[in-house]
Amino acid sequence: MSFISFDLDLPVDCDDEYWDHTDPEKRFKQPPKKPSSVTSFILYIKLQKILAFSLRTIVSDPLGDAHELSDFDIKK
């Protein structure tokens, strides 16, 4: 199973204390210059996606699919 199998949004980049605000305009808005506690987790998820793509690209089985081999003229 890969990350492509999941169709999930990233977590909201806002601390819980800013979710419920008396002013509706300020709900779910993190104050500027104050990173949320979940920011590092979101960046970690993005890095894992890059790593998964890299590993799938670099460490792939060159003889993996038979239909791809038919495109090449391999002579022994």
PDB file of N, CA and C in Angstrom:
ATOM      1  N   MET A   1       0.847  -1.163   0.000  1.00  0.00           N
ATOM      2  CA  MET A   1       0.000   0.000   0.000  1.00  0.00           C
ATOM      3  C   MET A   1       0.900   1.236   0.000  1.00  0.00           C
ATOM      4  N   SER A   2       0.575   2.206  -0.816  1.00  0.00           N
ATOM      5  CA  SER A   2       1.395   3.407  -0.899  1.00  0.00           C
ATOM      6  C   SER A   2       0.570   4.627  -0.498  1.00  0.00           C
ATOM      7  N   PHE A   3       1.252   5.765  -0.445  1.00  0.00           N
ATOM      8  CA  PHE A   3       0.556   6.986  -0.046  1.00  0.00           C
ATOM      9  C   PHE A   3      -0.464   7.411  -1.098  1.00  0.00           C
ATOM     10  N   ILE A   4      -0.325   6.917  -2.315  1.00  0.00           N
ATOM     11  CA  ILE A   4      -1.280   7.245  -3.368  1.00  0.00           C
ATOM     12  C   ILE A   4      -2.634   6.583  -3.082  1.00  0.00           C
ATOM     13  N   SER A   5      -2.635   5.510  -2.307  1.00  0.00           N
ATOM     14  CA  SER A   5      -3.872   4.794  -1.984  1.00  0.00           C
ATOM     15  C   SER A   5      -4.784   5.593  -1.061  1.00  0.00           C
ATOM     16  N   PHE A   6      -4.266   6.615  -0.429  1.00  0.00           N
ATOM     17  CA  PHE A   6      -5.045   7.393   0.530  1.00  0.00           C
ATOM     18  C   PHE A   6      -5.398   8.753  -0.056  1.00  0.00           C
ATOM     19  N   ASP A   7      -6.652   9.121   0.056  1.00  0.00           N
ATOM     20  CA  ASP A   7      -7.113  10.421  -0.410  1.00  0.00           C
ATOM     21  C   ASP A   7      -7.510  11.255   0.806  1.00  0.00           C
ATOM     22  N   LEU A   8      -6.505  11.631   1.586  1.00  0.00           N
ATOM     23  CA  LEU A   8      -6.744  12.371   2.815  1.00  0.00           C
ATOM     24  C   LEU A   8      -6.102  13.742   2.742  1.00  0.00           C
ATOM     25  N   ASP A   9      -6.745  14.704   3.374  1.00  0.00           N
ATOM     26  CA  ASP A   9      -6.157  16.033   3.474  1.00  0.00           C
ATOM     27  C   ASP A   9      -5.154  16.050   4.618  1.00  0.00           C
ATOM     28  N   LEU A  10      -4.224  16.979   4.529  1.00  0.00           N
ATOM     29  CA  LEU A  10      -3.291  17.171   5.635  1.00  0.00           C
ATOM     30  C   LEU A  10      -4.035  17.788   6.813  1.00  0.00           C
ATOM     31  N   PRO A  11      -3.518  17.619   8.026  1.00  0.00           N
ATOM     32  CA  PRO A  11      -4.173  18.256   9.176  1.00  0.00           C
ATOM     33  C   PRO A  11      -4.192  19.784   9.034  1.00  0.00           C
ATOM     34  N   VAL A  12      -5.133  20.397   9.695  1.00  0.00           N
ATOM     35  CA  VAL A  12      -5.228  21.860   9.678  1.00  0.00           C
ATOM     36  C   VAL A  12      -4.027  22.423  10.422  1.00  0.00           C
ATOM     37  N   ASP A  13      -3.363  23.364   9.799  1.00  0.00           N
ATOM     38  CA  ASP A  13      -2.154  23.955  10.380  1.00  0.00           C
ATOM     39  C   ASP A  13      -2.533  25.082  11.340  1.00  0.00           C
ATOM     40  N   CYS A  14      -3.241  24.702  12.382  1.00  0.00           N
ATOM     41  CA  CYS A  14      -3.713  25.670  13.367  1.00  0.00           C
ATOM     42  C   CYS A  14      -3.854  24.963  14.714  1.00  0.00           C
ATOM     43  N   ASP A  15      -3.410  25.617  15.765  1.00  0.00           N
ATOM     44  CA  ASP A  15      -3.535  25.039  17.102  1.00  0.00           C
ATOM     45  C   ASP A  15      -4.991  24.998  17.545  1.00  0.00           C
ATOM     46  N   ASP A  16      -5.284  24.063  18.430  1.00  0.00           N
ATOM     47  CA  ASP A  16      -6.662  23.878  18.906  1.00  0.00           C
ATOM     48  C   ASP A  16      -7.243  25.127  19.560  1.00  0.00           C
ATOM     49  N   GLU A  17      -6.420  25.885  20.196  1.00  0.00           N
ATOM     50  CA  GLU A  17      -6.922  27.067  20.915  1.00  0.00           C
ATOM     51  C   GLU A  17      -7.476  28.139  19.983  1.00  0.00           C
ATOM     52  N   TYR A  18      -7.155  28.058  18.690  1.00  0.00           N
ATOM     53  CA  TYR A  18      -7.647  29.051  17.727  1.00  0.00           C
ATOM     54  C   TYR A  18      -8.807  28.523  16.886  1.00  0.00           C
ATOM     55  N   TRP A  19      -9.267  27.320  17.173  1.00  0.00           N
ATOM     56  CA  TRP A  19     -10.386  26.772  16.424  1.00  0.00           C
ATOM     57  C   TRP A  19     -11.681  27.479  16.784  1.00  0.00           C
ATOM     58  N   ASP A  20     -11.960  27.591  18.068  1.00  0.00           N
ATOM     59  CA  ASP A  20     -13.176  28.277  18.524  1.00  0.00           C
ATOM     60  C   ASP A  20     -12.808  29.678  18.959  1.00  0.00           C
ATOM     61  N   HIS A  21     -13.263  30.615  18.203  1.00  0.00           N
ATOM     62  CA  HIS A  21     -13.014  32.014  18.525  1.00  0.00           C
ATOM     63  C   HIS A  21     -14.349  32.727  18.469  1.00  0.00           C
ATOM     64  N   THR A  22     -14.507  33.735  19.283  1.00  0.00           N
ATOM     65  CA  THR A  22     -15.785  34.463  19.296  1.00  0.00           C
ATOM     66  C   THR A  22     -16.034  35.158  17.961  1.00  0.00           C
ATOM     67  N   ASP A  23     -14.974  35.632  17.332  1.00  0.00           N
ATOM     68  CA  ASP A  23     -15.094  36.275  16.027  1.00  0.00           C
ATOM     69  C   ASP A  23     -14.988  35.199  14.931  1.00  0.00           C
ATOM     70  N   PRO A  24     -16.030  35.009  14.137  1.00  0.00           N
ATOM     71  CA  PRO A  24     -15.988  33.955  13.105  1.00  0.00           C
ATOM     72  C   PRO A  24     -14.877  34.159  12.066  1.00  0.00           C
ATOM     73  N   GLU A  25     -14.449  35.376  11.860  1.00  0.00           N
ATOM     74  CA  GLU A  25     -13.375  35.656  10.892  1.00  0.00           C
ATOM     75  C   GLU A  25     -12.024  35.121  11.372  1.00  0.00           C
ATOM     76  N   LYS A  26     -11.875  34.956  12.677  1.00  0.00           N
ATOM     77  CA  LYS A  26     -10.588  34.530  13.244  1.00  0.00           C
ATOM     78  C   LYS A  26     -10.532  33.038  13.560  1.00  0.00           C
ATOM     79  N   ARG A  27     -11.600  32.324  13.257  1.00  0.00           N
ATOM     80  CA  ARG A  27     -11.604  30.890  13.518  1.00  0.00           C
ATOM     81  C   ARG A  27     -10.672  30.174  12.544  1.00  0.00           C
ATOM     82  N   PHE A  28      -9.941  29.191  13.062  1.00  0.00           N
ATOM     83  CA  PHE A  28      -8.994  28.371  12.292  1.00  0.00           C
ATOM     84  C   PHE A  28      -7.909  29.213  11.627  1.00  0.00           C
ATOM     85  N   LYS A  29      -7.532  30.323  12.253  1.00  0.00           N
ATOM     86  CA  LYS A  29      -6.454  31.158  11.727  1.00  0.00           C
ATOM     87  C   LYS A  29      -5.353  31.259  12.771  1.00  0.00           C
ATOM     88  N   GLN A  30      -4.210  30.745  12.424  1.00  0.00           N
ATOM     89  CA  GLN A  30      -3.036  30.811  13.300  1.00  0.00           C
ATOM     90  C   GLN A  30      -2.467  32.230  13.239  1.00  0.00           C
ATOM     91  N   PRO A  31      -2.111  32.810  14.394  1.00  0.00           N
ATOM     92  CA  PRO A  31      -1.512  34.146  14.367  1.00  0.00           C
ATOM     93  C   PRO A  31      -0.202  34.152  13.578  1.00  0.00           C
ATOM     94  N   PRO A  32       0.075  35.248  12.900  1.00  0.00           N
ATOM     95  CA  PRO A  32       1.328  35.326  12.134  1.00  0.00           C
ATOM     96  C   PRO A  32       2.549  35.245  13.050  1.00  0.00           C
ATOM     97  N   LYS A  33       3.609  34.689  12.533  1.00  0.00           N
ATOM     98  CA  LYS A  33       4.885  34.534  13.243  1.00  0.00           C
ATOM     99  C   LYS A  33       4.792  33.623  14.458  1.00  0.00           C
ATOM    100  N   LYS A  34       3.737  32.805  14.508  1.00  0.00           N
ATOM    101  CA  LYS A  34       3.609  31.820  15.584  1.00  0.00           C
ATOM    102  C   LYS A  34       3.275  30.473  14.954  1.00  0.00           C
ATOM    103  N   PRO A  35       4.303  29.630  14.744  1.00  0.00           N
ATOM    104  CA  PRO A  35       4.016  28.340  14.111  1.00  0.00           C
ATOM    105  C   PRO A  35       3.171  27.443  15.014  1.00  0.00           C
ATOM    106  N   SER A  36       2.307  26.686  14.397  1.00  0.00           N
ATOM    107  CA  SER A  36       1.461  25.792  15.191  1.00  0.00           C
ATOM    108  C   SER A  36       2.262  24.561  15.606  1.00  0.00           C
ATOM    109  N   SER A  37       1.737  23.859  16.575  1.00  0.00           N
ATOM    110  CA  SER A  37       2.425  22.669  17.083  1.00  0.00           C
ATOM    111  C   SER A  37       2.367  21.513  16.091  1.00  0.00           C
ATOM    112  N   VAL A  38       1.472  21.567  15.127  1.00  0.00           N
ATOM    113  CA  VAL A  38       1.324  20.486  14.160  1.00  0.00           C
ATOM    114  C   VAL A  38       2.126  20.753  12.880  1.00  0.00           C
ATOM    115  N   THR A  39       2.763  21.889  12.772  1.00  0.00           N
ATOM    116  CA  THR A  39       3.534  22.230  11.577  1.00  0.00           C
ATOM    117  C   THR A  39       4.636  21.214  11.304  1.00  0.00           C
ATOM    118  N   SER A  40       5.356  20.813  12.324  1.00  0.00           N
ATOM    119  CA  SER A  40       6.444  19.847  12.117  1.00  0.00           C
ATOM    120  C   SER A  40       5.897  18.504  11.629  1.00  0.00           C
ATOM    121  N   PHE A  41       4.742  18.095  12.110  1.00  0.00           N
ATOM    122  CA  PHE A  41       4.132  16.846  11.670  1.00  0.00           C
ATOM    123  C   PHE A  41       3.720  16.929  10.198  1.00  0.00           C
ATOM    124  N   ILE A  42       3.159  18.057   9.785  1.00  0.00           N
ATOM    125  CA  ILE A  42       2.759  18.254   8.391  1.00  0.00           C
ATOM    126  C   ILE A  42       3.985  18.211   7.481  1.00  0.00           C
ATOM    127  N   LEU A  43       5.066  18.862   7.892  1.00  0.00           N
ATOM    128  CA  LEU A  43       6.296  18.844   7.094  1.00  0.00           C
ATOM    129  C   LEU A  43       6.890  17.444   7.045  1.00  0.00           C
ATOM    130  N   TYR A  44       6.769  16.690   8.120  1.00  0.00           N
ATOM    131  CA  TYR A  44       7.245  15.308   8.144  1.00  0.00           C
ATOM    132  C   TYR A  44       6.465  14.450   7.141  1.00  0.00           C
ATOM    133  N   ILE A  45       5.165  14.634   7.078  1.00  0.00           N
ATOM    134  CA  ILE A  45       4.333  13.895   6.121  1.00  0.00           C
ATOM    135  C   ILE A  45       4.755  14.226   4.691  1.00  0.00           C
ATOM    136  N   LYS A  46       5.004  15.506   4.416  1.00  0.00           N
ATOM    137  CA  LYS A  46       5.423  15.908   3.070  1.00  0.00           C
ATOM    138  C   LYS A  46       6.778  15.306   2.714  1.00  0.00           C
ATOM    139  N   LEU A  47       7.690  15.276   3.658  1.00  0.00           N
ATOM    140  CA  LEU A  47       8.991  14.658   3.410  1.00  0.00           C
ATOM    141  C   LEU A  47       8.858  13.156   3.168  1.00  0.00           C
ATOM    142  N   GLN A  48       7.960  12.499   3.878  1.00  0.00           N
ATOM    143  CA  GLN A  48       7.744  11.073   3.677  1.00  0.00           C
ATOM    144  C   GLN A  48       7.184  10.784   2.282  1.00  0.00           C
ATOM    145  N   LYS A  49       6.341  11.681   1.769  1.00  0.00           N
ATOM    146  CA  LYS A  49       5.830  11.520   0.409  1.00  0.00           C
ATOM    147  C   LYS A  49       6.966  11.625  -0.608  1.00  0.00           C
ATOM    148  N   ILE A  50       7.867  12.569  -0.390  1.00  0.00           N
ATOM    149  CA  ILE A  50       9.020  12.723  -1.283  1.00  0.00           C
ATOM    150  C   ILE A  50       9.905  11.487  -1.206  1.00  0.00           C
ATOM    151  N   LEU A  51      10.151  10.994  -0.003  1.00  0.00           N
ATOM    152  CA  LEU A  51      10.970   9.804   0.178  1.00  0.00           C
ATOM    153  C   LEU A  51      10.335   8.587  -0.495  1.00  0.00           C
ATOM    154  N   ALA A  52       9.037   8.423  -0.341  1.00  0.00           N
ATOM    155  CA  ALA A  52       8.350   7.285  -0.957  1.00  0.00           C
ATOM    156  C   ALA A  52       8.446   7.347  -2.477  1.00  0.00           C
ATOM    157  N   PHE A  53       8.261   8.527  -3.038  1.00  0.00           N
ATOM    158  CA  PHE A  53       8.382   8.682  -4.490  1.00  0.00           C
ATOM    159  C   PHE A  53       9.809   8.381  -4.943  1.00  0.00           C
ATOM    160  N   SER A  54      10.788   8.876  -4.201  1.00  0.00           N
ATOM    161  CA  SER A  54      12.192   8.652  -4.554  1.00  0.00           C
ATOM    162  C   SER A  54      12.543   7.174  -4.504  1.00  0.00           C
ATOM    163  N   LEU A  55      12.144   6.509  -3.445  1.00  0.00           N
ATOM    164  CA  LEU A  55      12.446   5.083  -3.316  1.00  0.00           C
ATOM    165  C   LEU A  55      11.755   4.264  -4.403  1.00  0.00           C
ATOM    166  N   ARG A  56      10.527   4.627  -4.722  1.00  0.00           N
ATOM    167  CA  ARG A  56       9.806   3.903  -5.763  1.00  0.00           C
ATOM    168  C   ARG A  56      10.474   4.125  -7.123  1.00  0.00           C
ATOM    169  N   THR A  57      11.061   5.299  -7.330  1.00  0.00           N
ATOM    170  CA  THR A  57      11.700   5.612  -8.601  1.00  0.00           C
ATOM    171  C   THR A  57      13.102   5.020  -8.694  1.00  0.00           C
ATOM    172  N   ILE A  58      13.898   5.184  -7.653  1.00  0.00           N
ATOM    173  CA  ILE A  58      15.300   4.761  -7.681  1.00  0.00           C
ATOM    174  C   ILE A  58      15.431   3.261  -7.480  1.00  0.00           C
ATOM    175  N   VAL A  59      14.727   2.716  -6.521  1.00  0.00           N
ATOM    176  CA  VAL A  59      14.846   1.298  -6.185  1.00  0.00           C
ATOM    177  C   VAL A  59      13.663   0.553  -6.788  1.00  0.00           C
ATOM    178  N   SER A  60      13.611   0.527  -8.105  1.00  0.00           N
ATOM    179  CA  SER A  60      12.533  -0.214  -8.757  1.00  0.00           C
ATOM    180  C   SER A  60      13.122  -1.432  -9.448  1.00  0.00           C
ATOM    181  N   ASP A  61      12.310  -2.417  -9.626  1.00  0.00           N
ATOM    182  CA  ASP A  61      12.743  -3.656 -10.254  1.00  0.00           C
ATOM    183  C   ASP A  61      12.775  -3.446 -11.766  1.00  0.00           C
ATOM    184  N   PRO A  62      13.954  -3.479 -12.389  1.00  0.00           N
ATOM    185  CA  PRO A  62      14.016  -3.230 -13.830  1.00  0.00           C
ATOM    186  C   PRO A  62      13.316  -4.305 -14.651  1.00  0.00           C
ATOM    187  N   LEU A  63      13.135  -5.488 -14.110  1.00  0.00           N
ATOM    188  CA  LEU A  63      12.442  -6.564 -14.809  1.00  0.00           C
ATOM    189  C   LEU A  63      11.035  -6.759 -14.271  1.00  0.00           C
ATOM    190  N   GLY A  64      10.491  -5.713 -13.699  1.00  0.00           N
ATOM    191  CA  GLY A  64       9.216  -5.806 -13.003  1.00  0.00           C
ATOM    192  C   GLY A  64       8.037  -6.187 -13.856  1.00  0.00           C
ATOM    193  N   ASP A  65       7.768  -5.481 -14.923  1.00  0.00           N
ATOM    194  CA  ASP A  65       6.570  -5.737 -15.712  1.00  0.00           C
ATOM    195  C   ASP A  65       6.948  -6.327 -17.061  1.00  0.00           C
ATOM    196  N   ALA A  66       6.263  -7.381 -17.462  1.00  0.00           N
ATOM    197  CA  ALA A  66       6.564  -8.047 -18.722  1.00  0.00           C
ATOM    198  C   ALA A  66       6.206  -7.176 -19.919  1.00  0.00           C
ATOM    199  N   HIS A  67       5.150  -6.383 -19.804  1.00  0.00           N
ATOM    200  CA  HIS A  67       4.753  -5.560 -20.947  1.00  0.00           C
ATOM    201  C   HIS A  67       5.756  -4.449 -21.223  1.00  0.00           C
ATOM    202  N   GLU A  68       6.489  -4.034 -20.219  1.00  0.00           N
ATOM    203  CA  GLU A  68       7.525  -3.028 -20.434  1.00  0.00           C
ATOM    204  C   GLU A  68       8.732  -3.635 -21.126  1.00  0.00           C
ATOM    205  N   LEU A  69       9.012  -4.898 -20.875  1.00  0.00           N
ATOM    206  CA  LEU A  69      10.153  -5.556 -21.503  1.00  0.00           C
ATOM    207  C   LEU A  69       9.958  -5.742 -23.000  1.00  0.00           C
ATOM    208  N   SER A  70       8.719  -5.834 -23.438  1.00  0.00           N
ATOM    209  CA  SER A  70       8.461  -6.023 -24.871  1.00  0.00           C
ATOM    210  C   SER A  70       8.857  -4.789 -25.673  1.00  0.00           C
ATOM    211  N   ASP A  71       8.997  -3.643 -25.026  1.00  0.00           N
ATOM    212  CA  ASP A  71       9.381  -2.416 -25.723  1.00  0.00           C
ATOM    213  C   ASP A  71      10.850  -2.401 -26.076  1.00  0.00           C
ATOM    214  N   PHE A  72      11.662  -3.244 -25.449  1.00  0.00           N
ATOM    215  CA  PHE A  72      13.099  -3.256 -25.659  1.00  0.00           C
ATOM    216  C   PHE A  72      13.518  -4.497 -26.446  1.00  0.00           C
ATOM    217  N   ASP A  73      14.520  -4.344 -27.267  1.00  0.00           N
ATOM    218  CA  ASP A  73      15.065  -5.463 -28.009  1.00  0.00           C
ATOM    219  C   ASP A  73      16.260  -5.989 -27.240  1.00  0.00           C
ATOM    220  N   ILE A  74      16.038  -6.994 -26.397  1.00  0.00           N
ATOM    221  CA  ILE A  74      17.096  -7.547 -25.549  1.00  0.00           C
ATOM    222  C   ILE A  74      17.637  -8.810 -26.213  1.00  0.00           C
ATOM    223  N   LYS A  75      18.920  -8.791 -26.525  1.00  0.00           N
ATOM    224  CA  LYS A  75      19.555  -9.962 -27.153  1.00  0.00           C
ATOM    225  C   LYS A  75      20.612 -10.501 -26.212  1.00  0.00           C
ATOM    226  N   LYS A  76      20.623 -11.811 -26.048  1.00  0.00           N
ATOM    227  CA  LYS A  76      21.596 -12.420 -25.146  1.00  0.00           C
ATOM    228  C   LYS A  76      22.771 -12.956 -25.927  1.00  0.00           C
TER     229      LYS A  76
END
